[in-house]
Amino acid sequence: MLMFFLVYKIEAQEFLDEKPNILVILVDDMGWSDIGSYGGEIETPNIDRLASNGLRFTQMYNTSKCFPSRAALLTGLYAQQNGSAERHTNPLKNSITLGEVLKSVGYRTLYSGKHHGVDHPMDMGFDRYYGLLDGAGNHFNPGLQRKGEPMPAQKRNDRIYYDDRLRMQPYTPPTDFYTTDYFTKYALSWLEEYKEEEAPFFLYLSYTAPHDPLMAWPEDIAKYRGKYSEGYEAIRNKRLEKQRKMGLFSEKAFFSKPTYRNWDSLSDSLQNVEELKMEVYAAMVDRVDQNIGKILQKIEEQGRLDNTLIFFMSDNGSSAEMVRIAGNGEIGTVGQWTSLGEDWANVSNTPFRYFKNYSYEGGINTPMIVTWPNKIGKNGFTEFPGHFIDFMPTLIEITGAEYPEEWNGEALVPMQGESFLPTLLGEEQEREKPLFWQWQEGKAIRKGNMKLVTLGEDSPWELYDLEKDPAETTNLSDRYPELVDEFKIMYADWEAYNQSIQ
């Protein structure tokens, strides 16, 4: 597929003359095909508006797991280099964050939502913070039971929330609390508070939806009643057809075989449960879109939208993980923790294989939309293979910031990514460096259009041509053994480098 879109050519110096506001929106555990502009039937008019006014990436990568993805996004380093490769309880090391870099060139830095780390964002260059330091929790009530309500379904009730420096643990919020709404509420309040400032803003809006538990407001769930009664195959086929029509994939692309169960083999009661799960999941994505609309409206009302660079993406693919916690409520409510499950996750990640936690495309390929009025052309697509580590060099190039050799007396690991600013401006761009992945036992390396991937130590390496086979259906390792060996050597060198900086 060719990259095609109108583009407004501008000189690099123009970026330095007027720094743009920057809005980075990250959602949690959302699949590649869920939003309308990537083939989904979920109502996402505000996100789709960003897509129609900007650029869609078809090969933007995360790490397949939430906290390493967030650490890579903030630091420009692989998780194996910044201390986040194995657990979120390690403090960041060897690194400087986007908050610190952008603050150094005059940005007002704001962070609302999930962090999934132990470092407080206000110690990482952010002026304001509200949100969850942990990974996931009850969307309606992460704390103690409220009067007149069921016991909130929770892994534990001591999830760490902060309002700036105020630690709220356990955090039992007001009855109108819903994570997506409150993360937006604080972001809106800051935009209002600082509206008279001449300084540009950097707002990092990090939602926990649609990560389980599946919980949504009744009015949002009602919008999707009956929309998933046809089952997995019908929804997946409709998404595939829509993806082809909008040009996300060429007609020659191979697509993976589905792994969900036969819908007709499920009992009526189980079908009802599966329908409701997807209805709630869709409602969660819908609510994210509604809140993004509020942010866009606020920025537009302030006359700042034309100079705001906006990114939207997910931290990993849709999740097949199943969390089983006893509850006493209906699916979607405060008292019931429910997970989406493998069948719907397979649909959610259409057309890719596997899910969150895997280094196959279904785990690591995120939809990413970039909008920048009068700078980026409208309704464009690009196949440039980007990664979250690329945000640091891209935003440094745009803002004129510098990446220091050391910070707070400690030497920094050099940025690992590449600026994708040329791609944003419509220029032909080829990736110079290979990309690497490692989460749990899974590993992968990509160079050019070729990708080598394995499930783990006891599994063979598999080789795929992502240009022809984006869903990784035809293993070419036997056909190109020399290429497999070359990639394995590069991967070993990357591992050795990571070990050398520990």
Protein backbone atom coordinates (compact mmCIF):
# COMPACT_ATOMS: atom_id res chain seq x y z
CA MET A 1 0.00 0.00 0.00
CA LEU A 2 1.35 3.41 -0.91
CA MET A 3 1.46 6.28 1.55
CA PHE A 4 -0.98 8.85 0.27
CA PHE A 5 -2.15 12.16 1.70
CA LEU A 6 -2.01 15.88 1.08
CA VAL A 7 0.85 17.48 2.91
CA TYR A 8 1.82 20.99 3.87
CA LYS A 9 5.57 21.42 3.45
CA ILE A 10 7.17 23.59 6.09
CA GLU A 11 10.70 24.40 7.08
CA ALA A 12 12.16 22.90 10.25
CA GLN A 13 12.82 26.38 11.64
CA GLU A 14 9.09 27.02 11.81
CA PHE A 15 8.81 24.41 14.57
CA LEU A 16 11.30 26.33 16.66
CA ASP A 17 9.56 29.67 16.13
CA GLU A 18 6.24 28.46 17.56
CA LYS A 19 6.23 25.34 19.66
CA PRO A 20 2.99 23.35 19.36
CA ASN A 21 0.85 22.21 22.23
CA ILE A 22 1.18 18.43 22.53
CA LEU A 23 -1.61 16.03 23.54
CA VAL A 24 -0.73 12.36 23.91
CA ILE A 25 -3.73 10.06 24.49
CA LEU A 26 -2.99 6.48 25.50
CA VAL A 27 -5.66 3.84 26.06
CA ASP A 28 -5.24 0.50 27.77
CA ASP A 29 -5.68 -3.01 26.29
CA MET A 30 -7.59 -1.79 23.24
CA GLY A 31 -7.47 -3.94 20.10
CA TRP A 32 -6.28 -2.84 16.68
CA SER A 33 -9.71 -2.87 15.02
CA ASP A 34 -11.97 -1.51 17.76
CA ILE A 35 -12.25 2.15 16.73
CA GLY A 36 -14.19 3.11 13.62
CA SER A 37 -11.19 4.45 11.71
CA TYR A 38 -9.48 1.05 11.97
CA GLY A 39 -12.49 -1.03 11.00
CA GLY A 40 -14.59 -1.21 14.16
CA GLU A 41 -18.32 -0.77 14.64
CA ILE A 42 -17.93 0.98 18.02
CA GLU A 43 -19.07 4.59 17.84
CA THR A 44 -15.90 6.70 18.04
CA PRO A 45 -16.73 9.91 16.14
CA ASN A 46 -14.17 12.08 17.92
CA ILE A 47 -11.28 9.68 17.40
CA ASP A 48 -12.41 9.13 13.81
CA ARG A 49 -12.46 12.91 13.32
CA LEU A 50 -8.79 12.94 14.31
CA ALA A 51 -8.12 10.22 11.74
CA SER A 52 -9.96 12.02 8.95
CA ASN A 53 -8.01 15.19 9.72
CA GLY A 54 -4.66 13.48 10.12
CA LEU A 55 -2.48 10.44 9.60
CA ARG A 56 -3.05 6.79 10.49
CA PHE A 57 -0.11 4.48 11.15
CA THR A 58 -0.60 0.81 10.22
CA GLN A 59 2.67 -0.32 11.82
CA MET A 60 3.20 1.53 15.08
CA TYR A 61 4.55 -0.66 17.86
CA ASN A 62 4.36 -0.93 21.64
CA THR A 63 5.92 -3.62 23.84
CA SER A 64 2.86 -5.95 24.20
CA LYS A 65 2.58 -5.10 27.91
CA CYS A 66 1.32 -1.98 29.62
CA PHE A 67 4.08 -0.81 31.97
CA PRO A 68 7.04 -1.44 29.60
CA SER A 69 5.11 0.39 26.87
CA ARG A 70 4.54 3.40 29.10
CA ALA A 71 8.18 3.45 30.19
CA ALA A 72 9.38 3.26 26.56
CA LEU A 73 7.01 6.05 25.54
CA LEU A 74 8.19 8.37 28.30
CA THR A 75 11.94 7.72 28.00
CA GLY A 76 12.79 6.88 24.39
CA LEU A 77 14.53 3.73 25.63
CA TYR A 78 13.57 0.08 25.50
CA ALA A 79 12.22 -1.28 28.77
CA GLN A 80 15.32 -3.50 28.93
CA GLN A 81 17.37 -0.32 29.28
CA ASN A 82 15.26 1.85 31.59
CA GLY A 83 14.57 -0.73 34.30
CA SER A 84 11.03 -1.69 33.27
CA ALA A 85 11.61 -4.98 31.49
CA GLU A 86 10.28 -7.27 34.18
CA ARG A 87 8.23 -5.40 36.77
CA HIS A 88 6.67 -2.01 37.34
CA THR A 89 8.04 -1.76 40.88
CA ASN A 90 11.52 -0.85 39.64
CA PRO A 91 12.28 2.88 39.45
CA LEU A 92 13.28 4.25 36.05
CA LYS A 93 17.02 4.41 35.41
CA ASN A 94 19.46 5.50 32.68
CA SER A 95 16.80 7.87 31.39
CA ILE A 96 15.13 11.25 31.21
CA THR A 97 11.39 11.58 30.57
CA LEU A 98 9.36 13.54 28.04
CA GLY A 99 8.08 15.59 30.96
CA GLU A 100 11.61 16.67 31.89
CA VAL A 101 12.72 17.27 28.29
CA LEU A 102 9.69 19.36 27.34
CA LYS A 103 9.71 21.26 30.61
CA SER A 104 13.28 22.32 29.80
CA VAL A 105 12.02 24.22 26.73
CA GLY A 106 9.16 25.98 28.48
CA TYR A 107 6.24 23.54 28.38
CA ARG A 108 3.54 23.33 31.03
CA THR A 109 3.57 19.58 31.69
CA LEU A 110 0.36 17.80 32.75
CA TYR A 111 -0.25 14.10 33.41
CA SER A 112 -3.65 12.56 34.12
CA GLY A 113 -4.39 8.85 34.37
CA LYS A 114 -2.56 5.58 34.74
CA HIS A 115 1.19 5.59 35.34
CA HIS A 116 1.94 1.96 36.30
CA GLY A 117 5.25 2.68 37.97
CA VAL A 118 6.74 3.65 41.31
CA ASP A 119 8.20 7.02 40.31
CA HIS A 120 5.81 9.88 41.01
CA PRO A 121 5.15 11.82 37.79
CA MET A 122 5.85 15.11 39.57
CA ASP A 123 9.37 13.79 40.15
CA MET A 124 9.60 13.09 36.41
CA GLY A 125 9.15 16.61 35.10
CA PHE A 126 5.36 16.94 35.30
CA ASP A 127 3.85 20.02 36.96
CA ARG A 128 0.54 18.32 37.79
CA TYR A 129 -0.59 14.75 38.26
CA TYR A 130 -3.83 12.98 39.00
CA GLY A 131 -4.34 9.28 38.65
CA LEU A 132 -3.43 5.69 39.37
CA LEU A 133 0.17 4.65 39.99
CA ASP A 134 -0.85 0.97 39.78
CA GLY A 135 -1.89 -1.03 36.73
CA ALA A 136 -5.65 -1.59 37.02
CA GLY A 137 -8.53 -1.31 39.43
CA ASN A 138 -12.26 -0.98 39.78
CA HIS A 139 -13.40 1.74 37.37
CA PHE A 140 -16.28 2.87 39.60
CA ASN A 141 -14.71 2.48 43.03
CA PRO A 142 -11.08 1.48 43.63
CA GLY A 143 -11.47 1.85 47.40
CA LEU A 144 -13.72 0.89 50.28
CA GLN A 145 -17.39 0.01 49.89
CA ARG A 146 -19.68 3.03 49.64
CA LYS A 147 -22.95 3.17 51.54
CA GLY A 148 -25.86 1.64 49.66
CA GLU A 149 -23.65 -0.05 47.02
CA PRO A 150 -22.40 -3.59 46.53
CA MET A 151 -18.88 -4.48 47.62
CA PRO A 152 -16.63 -3.25 44.78
CA ALA A 153 -14.98 -6.06 42.87
CA GLN A 154 -11.24 -5.61 43.34
CA LYS A 155 -7.93 -7.41 43.37
CA ARG A 156 -7.27 -5.24 46.42
CA ASN A 157 -8.63 -1.95 47.73
CA ASP A 158 -5.34 -0.15 48.28
CA ARG A 159 -4.59 0.89 44.72
CA ILE A 160 -2.47 4.04 44.86
CA TYR A 161 -4.14 7.20 43.58
CA TYR A 162 -2.60 10.66 43.74
CA ASP A 163 -3.98 14.17 43.42
CA ASP A 164 -0.72 16.04 42.80
CA ARG A 165 1.30 15.07 45.91
CA LEU A 166 -1.70 13.98 47.97
CA ARG A 167 -1.62 10.20 48.26
CA MET A 168 -5.14 8.77 48.48
CA GLN A 169 -4.99 5.18 49.70
CA PRO A 170 -7.46 3.64 49.93
CA TYR A 171 -9.23 5.99 47.54
CA THR A 172 -12.99 5.79 47.95
CA PRO A 173 -14.21 8.45 45.52
CA PRO A 174 -17.60 10.17 45.09
CA THR A 175 -20.50 8.21 43.60
CA ASP A 176 -20.10 9.89 40.20
CA PHE A 177 -16.56 8.53 39.88
CA TYR A 178 -15.59 6.63 36.76
CA THR A 179 -11.92 6.46 35.83
CA THR A 180 -12.29 7.73 32.26
CA ASP A 181 -14.49 10.64 33.34
CA TYR A 182 -12.27 11.71 36.24
CA PHE A 183 -9.00 11.52 34.33
CA THR A 184 -10.64 13.84 31.81
CA LYS A 185 -12.13 16.06 34.53
CA TYR A 186 -8.71 16.86 35.96
CA ALA A 187 -7.20 17.43 32.53
CA LEU A 188 -9.99 19.88 31.69
CA SER A 189 -9.49 21.74 34.96
CA TRP A 190 -5.78 22.22 34.22
CA LEU A 191 -6.46 23.42 30.68
CA GLU A 192 -8.79 25.99 32.18
CA GLU A 193 -6.38 26.93 34.97
CA TYR A 194 -3.48 27.60 32.61
CA LYS A 195 -5.41 28.99 29.64
CA GLU A 196 -3.91 32.47 29.96
CA GLU A 197 -0.33 31.19 29.92
CA GLU A 198 1.79 31.86 26.88
CA ALA A 199 3.65 28.61 27.47
CA PRO A 200 2.56 25.64 25.33
CA PHE A 201 1.18 22.61 27.14
CA PHE A 202 2.15 18.96 27.08
CA LEU A 203 -0.83 16.91 28.26
CA TYR A 204 -0.35 13.18 28.71
CA LEU A 205 -3.81 11.62 29.08
CA SER A 206 -3.42 7.97 30.03
CA TYR A 207 -6.74 6.12 30.32
CA THR A 208 -7.23 2.73 31.99
CA ALA A 209 -10.14 1.79 29.72
CA PRO A 210 -10.94 -0.62 28.20
CA HIS A 211 -8.67 -2.70 30.51
CA ASP A 212 -10.66 -5.05 32.71
CA PRO A 213 -12.72 -5.06 34.84
CA LEU A 214 -15.40 -4.53 32.19
CA MET A 215 -17.43 -1.70 33.70
CA ALA A 216 -19.41 1.08 32.04
CA TRP A 217 -22.29 3.46 32.64
CA PRO A 218 -25.72 1.92 31.89
CA GLU A 219 -26.58 4.53 29.26
CA ASP A 220 -23.41 3.67 27.32
CA ILE A 221 -24.06 -0.07 27.52
CA ALA A 222 -27.62 0.48 26.28
CA LYS A 223 -26.28 1.87 22.98
CA TYR A 224 -24.82 -1.54 22.13
CA ARG A 225 -27.65 -3.85 23.19
CA GLY A 226 -28.10 -6.52 20.54
CA LYS A 227 -25.20 -5.35 18.37
CA TYR A 228 -23.11 -8.44 19.07
CA SER A 229 -25.81 -11.11 18.84
CA GLU A 230 -24.37 -12.34 15.52
CA GLY A 231 -21.27 -13.58 17.27
CA TYR A 232 -17.52 -13.51 16.73
CA GLU A 233 -17.22 -14.45 13.06
CA ALA A 234 -19.81 -12.02 11.76
CA ILE A 235 -18.23 -9.08 13.60
CA ARG A 236 -14.71 -10.03 12.52
CA ASN A 237 -15.73 -10.40 8.87
CA LYS A 238 -17.40 -6.99 8.90
CA ARG A 239 -14.27 -5.45 10.35
CA LEU A 240 -12.08 -7.11 7.72
CA GLU A 241 -14.30 -5.86 4.93
CA LYS A 242 -14.27 -2.33 6.31
CA GLN A 243 -10.48 -2.40 6.73
CA ARG A 244 -10.01 -3.40 3.10
CA LYS A 245 -12.40 -0.75 1.83
CA MET A 246 -10.66 2.04 3.73
CA GLY A 247 -7.24 0.92 2.47
CA LEU A 248 -5.64 -0.27 5.68
CA PHE A 249 -4.47 -3.40 3.86
CA SER A 250 -3.96 -4.32 0.24
CA GLU A 251 -6.18 -6.85 -1.49
CA LYS A 252 -3.21 -9.22 -1.62
CA ALA A 253 -2.58 -9.30 2.13
CA PHE A 254 -2.96 -12.62 3.95
CA PHE A 255 -5.10 -12.70 7.07
CA SER A 256 -4.81 -15.03 10.04
CA LYS A 257 -7.26 -17.80 10.74
CA PRO A 258 -9.57 -16.94 13.61
CA THR A 259 -9.10 -18.70 16.94
CA TYR A 260 -12.47 -18.02 18.56
CA ARG A 261 -15.04 -20.73 19.22
CA ASN A 262 -17.95 -21.48 16.91
CA TRP A 263 -20.71 -19.14 18.07
CA ASP A 264 -23.45 -21.66 17.35
CA SER A 265 -21.73 -24.21 19.59
CA LEU A 266 -22.31 -21.99 22.64
CA SER A 267 -25.41 -22.40 24.76
CA ASP A 268 -27.98 -19.61 24.77
CA SER A 269 -26.93 -18.58 28.28
CA LEU A 270 -23.25 -18.44 27.32
CA GLN A 271 -24.05 -16.45 24.19
CA ASN A 272 -25.90 -13.96 26.39
CA VAL A 273 -22.86 -13.61 28.65
CA GLU A 274 -20.52 -13.15 25.69
CA GLU A 275 -22.82 -10.56 24.12
CA LEU A 276 -22.95 -8.57 27.34
CA LYS A 277 -19.18 -8.65 27.76
CA MET A 278 -18.66 -7.13 24.32
CA GLU A 279 -21.47 -4.62 24.86
CA VAL A 280 -19.74 -3.37 28.01
CA TYR A 281 -16.33 -3.35 26.34
CA ALA A 282 -17.73 -1.30 23.45
CA ALA A 283 -19.34 1.08 25.93
CA MET A 284 -15.96 1.62 27.61
CA VAL A 285 -14.32 2.55 24.31
CA ASP A 286 -17.32 4.75 23.49
CA ARG A 287 -16.93 6.61 26.80
CA VAL A 288 -13.24 7.21 26.06
CA ASP A 289 -14.27 8.77 22.76
CA GLN A 290 -16.85 10.98 24.47
CA ASN A 291 -14.20 12.27 26.85
CA ILE A 292 -11.71 12.89 24.08
CA GLY A 293 -14.43 15.00 22.50
CA LYS A 294 -14.58 17.11 25.68
CA ILE A 295 -10.82 17.67 25.58
CA LEU A 296 -10.91 18.66 21.91
CA GLN A 297 -13.83 21.01 22.53
CA LYS A 298 -12.00 22.71 25.39
CA ILE A 299 -8.82 23.21 23.34
CA GLU A 300 -10.87 24.50 20.40
CA GLU A 301 -12.82 26.92 22.59
CA GLN A 302 -9.51 28.31 23.83
CA GLY A 303 -8.39 28.89 20.25
CA ARG A 304 -5.46 26.49 20.60
CA LEU A 305 -6.52 23.55 18.46
CA ASP A 306 -4.81 24.77 15.28
CA ASN A 307 -1.47 24.63 17.06
CA THR A 308 -1.95 21.34 18.91
CA LEU A 309 -0.19 18.14 17.89
CA ILE A 310 -2.36 15.16 18.93
CA PHE A 311 -1.45 11.48 19.22
CA PHE A 312 -3.83 8.60 19.96
CA MET A 313 -2.74 4.97 20.52
CA SER A 314 -3.00 1.88 22.76
CA ASP A 315 -0.36 0.44 25.10
CA ASN A 316 -0.75 -3.12 23.79
CA GLY A 317 -3.17 -5.33 21.91
CA SER A 318 -6.49 -6.53 23.23
CA SER A 319 -6.12 -8.88 26.18
CA ALA A 320 -7.01 -12.56 26.45
CA GLU A 321 -6.12 -12.60 30.15
CA MET A 322 -8.87 -13.86 32.44
CA VAL A 323 -9.14 -12.48 35.96
CA ARG A 324 -11.57 -14.39 38.14
CA ILE A 325 -12.72 -12.56 41.25
CA ALA A 326 -15.91 -13.41 43.10
CA GLY A 327 -18.53 -10.69 42.76
CA ASN A 328 -22.15 -9.98 43.53
CA GLY A 329 -23.24 -7.83 40.64
CA GLU A 330 -24.13 -7.94 36.96
CA ILE A 331 -21.39 -7.74 34.36
CA GLY A 332 -20.55 -4.09 33.83
CA THR A 333 -21.31 -2.92 37.38
CA VAL A 334 -19.18 -1.96 40.38
CA GLY A 335 -19.65 -5.35 42.03
CA GLN A 336 -18.46 -7.62 39.21
CA TRP A 337 -14.95 -8.03 37.79
CA THR A 338 -15.19 -9.48 34.29
CA SER A 339 -12.53 -9.91 31.60
CA LEU A 340 -13.08 -9.81 27.85
CA GLY A 341 -11.58 -13.23 27.14
CA GLU A 342 -9.71 -14.79 24.23
CA ASP A 343 -12.61 -15.09 21.77
CA TRP A 344 -13.55 -11.42 21.66
CA ALA A 345 -9.89 -10.42 21.98
CA ASN A 346 -9.25 -12.33 18.75
CA VAL A 347 -11.98 -10.24 17.09
CA SER A 348 -10.71 -7.06 18.72
CA ASN A 349 -7.22 -7.58 17.24
CA THR A 350 -8.52 -8.24 13.70
CA PRO A 351 -6.70 -9.15 11.47
CA PHE A 352 -3.69 -10.09 13.61
CA ARG A 353 -2.61 -13.17 15.55
CA TYR A 354 -2.45 -13.45 19.31
CA PHE A 355 -2.96 -10.83 22.00
CA LYS A 356 -1.42 -8.73 24.74
CA ASN A 357 1.75 -10.37 26.16
CA TYR A 358 2.77 -11.82 22.77
CA SER A 359 5.41 -10.41 20.41
CA TYR A 360 3.22 -11.21 17.40
CA GLU A 361 1.39 -8.34 15.71
CA GLY A 362 -1.76 -8.83 17.78
CA GLY A 363 0.22 -8.01 20.90
CA ILE A 364 2.49 -5.21 19.70
CA ASN A 365 0.81 -3.38 16.80
CA THR A 366 -1.27 -0.41 17.94
CA PRO A 367 -3.57 1.84 15.96
CA MET A 368 -1.99 5.28 16.03
CA ILE A 369 -3.53 8.50 14.81
CA VAL A 370 -1.61 11.78 14.56
CA THR A 371 -3.33 15.10 13.90
CA TRP A 372 -1.69 18.50 13.53
CA PRO A 373 -3.78 21.12 11.72
CA ASN A 374 -2.06 22.82 8.77
CA LYS A 375 1.04 20.68 9.25
CA ILE A 376 -0.18 17.13 8.53
CA GLY A 377 -2.40 16.34 5.56
CA LYS A 378 -5.87 14.87 5.99
CA ASN A 379 -7.04 11.25 5.85
CA GLY A 380 -3.60 9.78 5.30
CA PHE A 381 -2.06 6.36 5.90
CA THR A 382 1.55 5.37 6.43
CA GLU A 383 3.31 2.03 6.68
CA PHE A 384 6.38 3.49 8.37
CA PRO A 385 7.29 1.04 11.17
CA GLY A 386 7.41 3.22 14.28
CA HIS A 387 7.78 2.38 17.96
CA PHE A 388 7.05 4.12 21.25
CA ILE A 389 10.80 4.72 21.63
CA ASP A 390 10.47 7.11 18.66
CA PHE A 391 8.41 9.68 20.57
CA MET A 392 11.40 11.15 22.35
CA PRO A 393 13.46 11.94 19.22
CA THR A 394 10.35 13.07 17.31
CA LEU A 395 9.21 15.54 19.96
CA ILE A 396 12.76 16.75 20.51
CA GLU A 397 13.06 17.55 16.81
CA ILE A 398 9.71 19.31 16.75
CA THR A 399 10.25 21.43 19.88
CA GLY A 400 13.97 22.16 19.56
CA ALA A 401 14.70 20.49 22.89
CA GLU A 402 17.94 18.64 23.59
CA TYR A 403 18.62 15.18 24.91
CA PRO A 404 21.42 15.53 27.47
CA GLU A 405 24.31 13.14 27.98
CA GLU A 406 23.63 13.06 31.71
CA TRP A 407 20.83 14.02 34.08
CA ASN A 408 20.98 14.61 37.82
CA GLY A 409 24.61 13.54 37.78
CA GLU A 410 23.89 10.21 36.09
CA ALA A 411 24.90 9.22 32.56
CA LEU A 412 21.98 8.60 30.21
CA VAL A 413 21.62 5.82 27.68
CA PRO A 414 21.39 7.44 24.22
CA MET A 415 17.95 7.62 22.62
CA GLN A 416 17.14 4.35 20.89
CA GLY A 417 14.40 5.53 18.55
CA GLU A 418 14.23 7.50 15.32
CA SER A 419 12.27 10.67 14.67
CA PHE A 420 9.24 10.03 12.48
CA LEU A 421 8.78 13.74 11.77
CA PRO A 422 9.61 13.20 8.06
CA THR A 423 6.72 10.72 7.88
CA LEU A 424 4.37 13.24 9.50
CA LEU A 425 5.33 15.75 6.83
CA GLY A 426 4.66 13.34 3.98
CA GLU A 427 8.25 12.54 3.12
CA GLU A 428 9.41 9.05 2.16
CA GLN A 429 11.11 7.55 5.19
CA GLU A 430 12.73 4.18 5.73
CA ARG A 431 13.64 2.96 9.17
CA GLU A 432 17.40 2.80 9.62
CA LYS A 433 17.63 0.73 12.80
CA PRO A 434 16.05 -2.67 13.54
CA LEU A 435 13.35 -2.91 16.21
CA PHE A 436 13.45 -5.35 19.14
CA TRP A 437 10.92 -6.87 21.52
CA GLN A 438 11.16 -8.99 24.62
CA TRP A 439 8.42 -9.58 27.15
CA GLN A 440 8.41 -12.66 29.37
CA GLU A 441 9.66 -15.46 27.10
CA GLY A 442 8.51 -13.93 23.83
CA LYS A 443 11.06 -12.24 21.57
CA ALA A 444 11.09 -10.53 18.18
CA ILE A 445 13.24 -8.44 15.86
CA ARG A 446 12.16 -6.51 12.80
CA LYS A 447 14.38 -5.10 10.06
CA GLY A 448 12.82 -3.72 6.91
CA ASN A 449 9.69 -5.73 6.17
CA MET A 450 11.05 -8.94 7.72
CA LYS A 451 10.28 -10.00 11.26
CA LEU A 452 11.70 -12.86 13.31
CA VAL A 453 9.58 -13.88 16.31
CA THR A 454 9.35 -16.66 18.87
CA LEU A 455 6.98 -17.62 21.67
CA GLY A 456 9.92 -18.46 23.92
CA GLU A 457 12.97 -20.58 24.66
CA ASP A 458 11.23 -23.87 23.85
CA SER A 459 9.69 -22.57 20.61
CA PRO A 460 11.35 -22.15 17.21
CA TRP A 461 12.03 -18.78 15.63
CA GLU A 462 9.56 -17.89 12.87
CA LEU A 463 10.20 -15.49 9.98
CA TYR A 464 7.52 -13.37 8.30
CA ASP A 465 7.35 -10.85 5.48
CA LEU A 466 5.05 -8.21 6.96
CA GLU A 467 4.56 -6.40 3.67
CA LYS A 468 2.79 -9.39 2.13
CA ASP A 469 1.76 -11.13 5.31
CA PRO A 470 0.89 -8.62 8.09
CA ALA A 471 -1.01 -11.28 10.04
CA GLU A 472 2.00 -13.64 10.20
CA THR A 473 0.44 -16.68 8.53
CA THR A 474 3.32 -18.04 6.41
CA ASN A 475 6.55 -18.91 8.22
CA LEU A 476 9.54 -18.33 5.89
CA SER A 477 12.31 -19.49 8.24
CA ASP A 478 13.07 -22.67 6.25
CA ARG A 479 13.22 -20.67 3.03
CA TYR A 480 15.66 -18.04 4.34
CA PRO A 481 17.88 -19.72 6.98
CA GLU A 482 20.74 -17.24 6.43
CA LEU A 483 18.41 -14.34 7.24
CA VAL A 484 17.24 -16.11 10.39
CA ASP A 485 20.85 -16.51 11.52
CA GLU A 486 21.61 -12.86 10.74
CA PHE A 487 18.62 -11.67 12.76
CA LYS A 488 19.49 -13.95 15.70
CA ILE A 489 22.99 -12.46 15.82
CA MET A 490 21.55 -8.93 15.85
CA TYR A 491 19.19 -9.93 18.64
CA ALA A 492 22.02 -11.42 20.69
CA ASP A 493 24.03 -8.22 20.23
CA TRP A 494 21.06 -6.18 21.46
CA GLU A 495 20.74 -8.38 24.54
CA ALA A 496 24.45 -8.05 25.22
CA TYR A 497 24.25 -4.25 25.00
CA ASN A 498 21.35 -4.20 27.44
CA GLN A 499 23.35 -6.30 29.87
CA SER A 500 26.33 -3.97 29.55
CA ILE A 501 24.41 -0.93 30.83
CA GLN A 502 22.81 -2.57 33.84
